Amino acid sequence: MNTDRQLIAGTSPFETTIGFSRAVRVGDRVFVSGTGPIWPDGTVATAAQAQARRCFELIGAALAQAGAGLRDVTRTRMFLTGAQHAAAVGAVHRELFAGIRPAATMIVVAGLLDERWVVEVEAEAVIGIR
């Protein structure tokens, strides 16, 4: 079994200041770090649904770099700053994962690293499962 560690870099400035990778692949497993809804120019959409969509776009890009895709996702964790965002974030999750149905958790938290964020998402994947 290949257990080499492949580090996947993203564009977050926090990767170097905190010391983490956007994702890590070990064997057939990929672990994607908490992903905030930041655009390349540093802006953040205000709507929860748009933020969730951006998080999953960034997660999809990290998975692709690791040789995986959204179809390989086995677990998601969605951190929300309020329960009022659950329906909007859940709608995006359903759109992307209705046919895959990973284990999923939504957690309401007191706050996230950037006060503009209302959602942050983590994901885990196993490459090659169906």
C-alpha atoms as a PDB file:
ATOM      1  CA  MET A   1       0.000   0.000   0.000  1.00  0.00           C
ATOM      2  CA  ASN A   2       1.307   3.433  -0.951  1.00  0.00           C
ATOM      3  CA  THR A   3       1.391   5.623   2.144  1.00  0.00           C
ATOM      4  CA  ASP A   4       3.466   8.473   0.743  1.00  0.00           C
ATOM      5  CA  ARG A   5       2.232  11.876   1.859  1.00  0.00           C
ATOM      6  CA  GLN A   6       1.328  14.257  -0.963  1.00  0.00           C
ATOM      7  CA  LEU A   7       0.811  17.849   0.137  1.00  0.00           C
ATOM      8  CA  ILE A   8      -1.629  19.918  -1.924  1.00  0.00           C
ATOM      9  CA  ALA A   9      -1.092  23.676  -1.776  1.00  0.00           C
ATOM     10  CA  GLY A  10      -3.876  26.174  -2.176  1.00  0.00           C
ATOM     11  CA  THR A  11      -3.983  29.939  -2.276  1.00  0.00           C
ATOM     12  CA  SER A  12      -4.775  30.730   1.348  1.00  0.00           C
ATOM     13  CA  PRO A  13      -2.278  33.092   2.964  1.00  0.00           C
ATOM     14  CA  PHE A  14      -2.887  31.159   6.195  1.00  0.00           C
ATOM     15  CA  GLU A  15      -1.166  28.056   4.798  1.00  0.00           C
ATOM     16  CA  THR A  16       2.275  29.476   5.464  1.00  0.00           C
ATOM     17  CA  THR A  17       1.448  31.546   8.552  1.00  0.00           C
ATOM     18  CA  ILE A  18      -0.325  28.667  10.321  1.00  0.00           C
ATOM     19  CA  GLY A  19       1.586  25.814   8.668  1.00  0.00           C
ATOM     20  CA  PHE A  20      -0.968  23.626   6.906  1.00  0.00           C
ATOM     21  CA  SER A  21      -1.841  22.276   3.458  1.00  0.00           C
ATOM     22  CA  ARG A  22      -5.089  22.811   1.542  1.00  0.00           C
ATOM     23  CA  ALA A  23      -5.245  19.024   1.311  1.00  0.00           C
ATOM     24  CA  VAL A  24      -3.160  15.966   2.092  1.00  0.00           C
ATOM     25  CA  ARG A  25      -3.275  12.687   0.194  1.00  0.00           C
ATOM     26  CA  VAL A  26      -2.063   9.518   1.878  1.00  0.00           C
ATOM     27  CA  GLY A  27      -2.588   6.388  -0.197  1.00  0.00           C
ATOM     28  CA  ASP A  28      -6.129   6.490  -1.540  1.00  0.00           C
ATOM     29  CA  ARG A  29      -7.383   8.963   1.088  1.00  0.00           C
ATOM     30  CA  VAL A  30      -7.566  12.721   0.691  1.00  0.00           C
ATOM     31  CA  PHE A  31      -8.185  15.101   3.588  1.00  0.00           C
ATOM     32  CA  VAL A  32      -9.194  18.656   2.658  1.00  0.00           C
ATOM     33  CA  SER A  33      -8.665  21.353   5.274  1.00  0.00           C
ATOM     34  CA  GLY A  34     -11.337  23.744   6.413  1.00  0.00           C
ATOM     35  CA  THR A  35     -12.065  25.851   3.351  1.00  0.00           C
ATOM     36  CA  GLY A  36     -13.362  29.407   3.510  1.00  0.00           C
ATOM     37  CA  PRO A  37     -15.263  31.163   0.712  1.00  0.00           C
ATOM     38  CA  ILE A  38     -12.551  33.528  -0.509  1.00  0.00           C
ATOM     39  CA  TRP A  39     -12.192  34.665  -4.117  1.00  0.00           C
ATOM     40  CA  PRO A  40      -8.696  35.262  -5.583  1.00  0.00           C
ATOM     41  CA  ASP A  41      -9.045  39.023  -5.084  1.00  0.00           C
ATOM     42  CA  GLY A  42      -9.823  38.523  -1.374  1.00  0.00           C
ATOM     43  CA  THR A  43     -13.523  39.275  -1.635  1.00  0.00           C
ATOM     44  CA  VAL A  44     -16.248  37.184  -0.032  1.00  0.00           C
ATOM     45  CA  ALA A  45     -19.843  36.890  -1.251  1.00  0.00           C
ATOM     46  CA  THR A  46     -22.453  37.859   1.332  1.00  0.00           C
ATOM     47  CA  ALA A  47     -25.029  35.125   0.611  1.00  0.00           C
ATOM     48  CA  ALA A  48     -24.585  31.790   2.408  1.00  0.00           C
ATOM     49  CA  GLN A  49     -25.405  29.826  -0.740  1.00  0.00           C
ATOM     50  CA  ALA A  50     -22.728  31.642  -2.759  1.00  0.00           C
ATOM     51  CA  GLN A  51     -20.212  31.147   0.037  1.00  0.00           C
ATOM     52  CA  ALA A  52     -20.967  27.424   0.206  1.00  0.00           C
ATOM     53  CA  ARG A  53     -20.638  27.098  -3.567  1.00  0.00           C
ATOM     54  CA  ARG A  54     -17.225  28.814  -3.424  1.00  0.00           C
ATOM     55  CA  CYS A  55     -16.050  26.515  -0.612  1.00  0.00           C
ATOM     56  CA  PHE A  56     -16.986  23.445  -2.639  1.00  0.00           C
ATOM     57  CA  GLU A  57     -15.308  24.868  -5.778  1.00  0.00           C
ATOM     58  CA  LEU A  58     -12.063  25.238  -3.831  1.00  0.00           C
ATOM     59  CA  ILE A  59     -12.468  21.756  -2.341  1.00  0.00           C
ATOM     60  CA  GLY A  60     -13.070  20.336  -5.824  1.00  0.00           C
ATOM     61  CA  ALA A  61      -9.890  21.993  -7.097  1.00  0.00           C
ATOM     62  CA  ALA A  62      -7.839  20.561  -4.214  1.00  0.00           C
ATOM     63  CA  LEU A  63      -9.312  17.103  -4.786  1.00  0.00           C
ATOM     64  CA  ALA A  64      -8.450  17.322  -8.488  1.00  0.00           C
ATOM     65  CA  GLN A  65      -4.829  18.143  -7.644  1.00  0.00           C
ATOM     66  CA  ALA A  66      -4.785  14.995  -5.507  1.00  0.00           C
ATOM     67  CA  GLY A  67      -6.230  12.846  -8.300  1.00  0.00           C
ATOM     68  CA  ALA A  68      -9.739  12.753  -6.838  1.00  0.00           C
ATOM     69  CA  GLY A  69     -13.063  14.450  -7.416  1.00  0.00           C
ATOM     70  CA  LEU A  70     -16.281  15.270  -5.636  1.00  0.00           C
ATOM     71  CA  ARG A  71     -17.540  11.779  -6.570  1.00  0.00           C
ATOM     72  CA  ASP A  72     -14.898  10.361  -4.176  1.00  0.00           C
ATOM     73  CA  VAL A  73     -16.045  12.385  -1.143  1.00  0.00           C
ATOM     74  CA  THR A  74     -17.005  10.233   1.835  1.00  0.00           C
ATOM     75  CA  ARG A  75     -17.432  12.915   4.526  1.00  0.00           C
ATOM     76  CA  THR A  76     -18.162  16.631   4.729  1.00  0.00           C
ATOM     77  CA  ARG A  77     -18.215  18.947   7.709  1.00  0.00           C
ATOM     78  CA  MET A  78     -19.920  22.316   7.354  1.00  0.00           C
ATOM     79  CA  PHE A  79     -19.313  24.956   9.998  1.00  0.00           C
ATOM     80  CA  LEU A  80     -21.999  27.673  10.047  1.00  0.00           C
ATOM     81  CA  THR A  81     -22.118  30.893  12.026  1.00  0.00           C
ATOM     82  CA  GLY A  82     -25.878  30.533  12.440  1.00  0.00           C
ATOM     83  CA  ALA A  83     -28.598  27.932  11.961  1.00  0.00           C
ATOM     84  CA  GLN A  84     -30.370  30.322   9.578  1.00  0.00           C
ATOM     85  CA  HIS A  85     -27.718  29.435   6.961  1.00  0.00           C
ATOM     86  CA  ALA A  86     -28.404  25.674   7.076  1.00  0.00           C
ATOM     87  CA  ALA A  87     -31.023  25.581   4.310  1.00  0.00           C
ATOM     88  CA  ALA A  88     -28.911  27.581   1.843  1.00  0.00           C
ATOM     89  CA  VAL A  89     -25.726  25.622   2.544  1.00  0.00           C
ATOM     90  CA  GLY A  90     -27.656  22.343   2.556  1.00  0.00           C
ATOM     91  CA  ALA A  91     -29.136  23.135  -0.861  1.00  0.00           C
ATOM     92  CA  VAL A  92     -25.658  23.470  -2.373  1.00  0.00           C
ATOM     93  CA  HIS A  93     -24.535  20.278  -0.630  1.00  0.00           C
ATOM     94  CA  ARG A  94     -27.591  18.421  -1.975  1.00  0.00           C
ATOM     95  CA  GLU A  95     -26.958  19.740  -5.501  1.00  0.00           C
ATOM     96  CA  LEU A  96     -23.393  18.403  -5.469  1.00  0.00           C
ATOM     97  CA  PHE A  97     -23.791  15.236  -3.417  1.00  0.00           C
ATOM     98  CA  ALA A  98     -27.372  13.924  -3.757  1.00  0.00           C
ATOM     99  CA  GLY A  99     -26.151  10.954  -5.785  1.00  0.00           C
ATOM    100  CA  ILE A 100     -23.092  10.350  -3.594  1.00  0.00           C
ATOM    101  CA  ARG A 101     -24.566  10.935  -0.143  1.00  0.00           C
ATOM    102  CA  PRO A 102     -21.400  11.225   1.972  1.00  0.00           C
ATOM    103  CA  ALA A 103     -21.531  11.250   5.734  1.00  0.00           C
ATOM    104  CA  ALA A 104     -22.135  14.908   6.588  1.00  0.00           C
ATOM    105  CA  THR A 105     -22.199  17.152   9.614  1.00  0.00           C
ATOM    106  CA  MET A 106     -23.401  20.737  10.046  1.00  0.00           C
ATOM    107  CA  ILE A 107     -22.173  22.512  13.137  1.00  0.00           C
ATOM    108  CA  VAL A 108     -23.131  25.979  14.335  1.00  0.00           C
ATOM    109  CA  VAL A 109     -20.093  27.792  15.711  1.00  0.00           C
ATOM    110  CA  ALA A 110     -19.588  31.120  17.466  1.00  0.00           C
ATOM    111  CA  GLY A 111     -17.459  32.459  14.631  1.00  0.00           C
ATOM    112  CA  LEU A 112     -14.972  31.694  11.890  1.00  0.00           C
ATOM    113  CA  LEU A 113     -11.488  33.058  11.157  1.00  0.00           C
ATOM    114  CA  ASP A 114     -12.804  35.808   8.868  1.00  0.00           C
ATOM    115  CA  GLU A 115     -15.874  37.641  10.187  1.00  0.00           C
ATOM    116  CA  ARG A 116     -17.295  37.857   6.640  1.00  0.00           C
ATOM    117  CA  TRP A 117     -17.591  34.070   6.414  1.00  0.00           C
ATOM    118  CA  VAL A 118     -20.855  32.391   7.357  1.00  0.00           C
ATOM    119  CA  VAL A 119     -19.650  28.929   6.270  1.00  0.00           C
ATOM    120  CA  GLU A 120     -16.427  26.929   6.187  1.00  0.00           C
ATOM    121  CA  VAL A 121     -16.257  23.362   4.854  1.00  0.00           C
ATOM    122  CA  GLU A 122     -13.959  20.341   5.315  1.00  0.00           C
ATOM    123  CA  ALA A 123     -14.052  17.180   3.207  1.00  0.00           C
ATOM    124  CA  GLU A 124     -12.556  13.700   3.128  1.00  0.00           C
ATOM    125  CA  ALA A 125     -12.377  11.440   0.104  1.00  0.00           C
ATOM    126  CA  VAL A 126     -11.367   7.907  -0.785  1.00  0.00           C
ATOM    127  CA  ILE A 127     -10.125   7.630  -4.360  1.00  0.00           C
ATOM    128  CA  GLY A 128     -11.649   4.959  -6.515  1.00  0.00           C
ATOM    129  CA  ILE A 129     -14.715   4.064  -4.463  1.00  0.00           C
ATOM    130  CA  ARG A 130     -18.091   3.850  -6.112  1.00  0.00           C
END
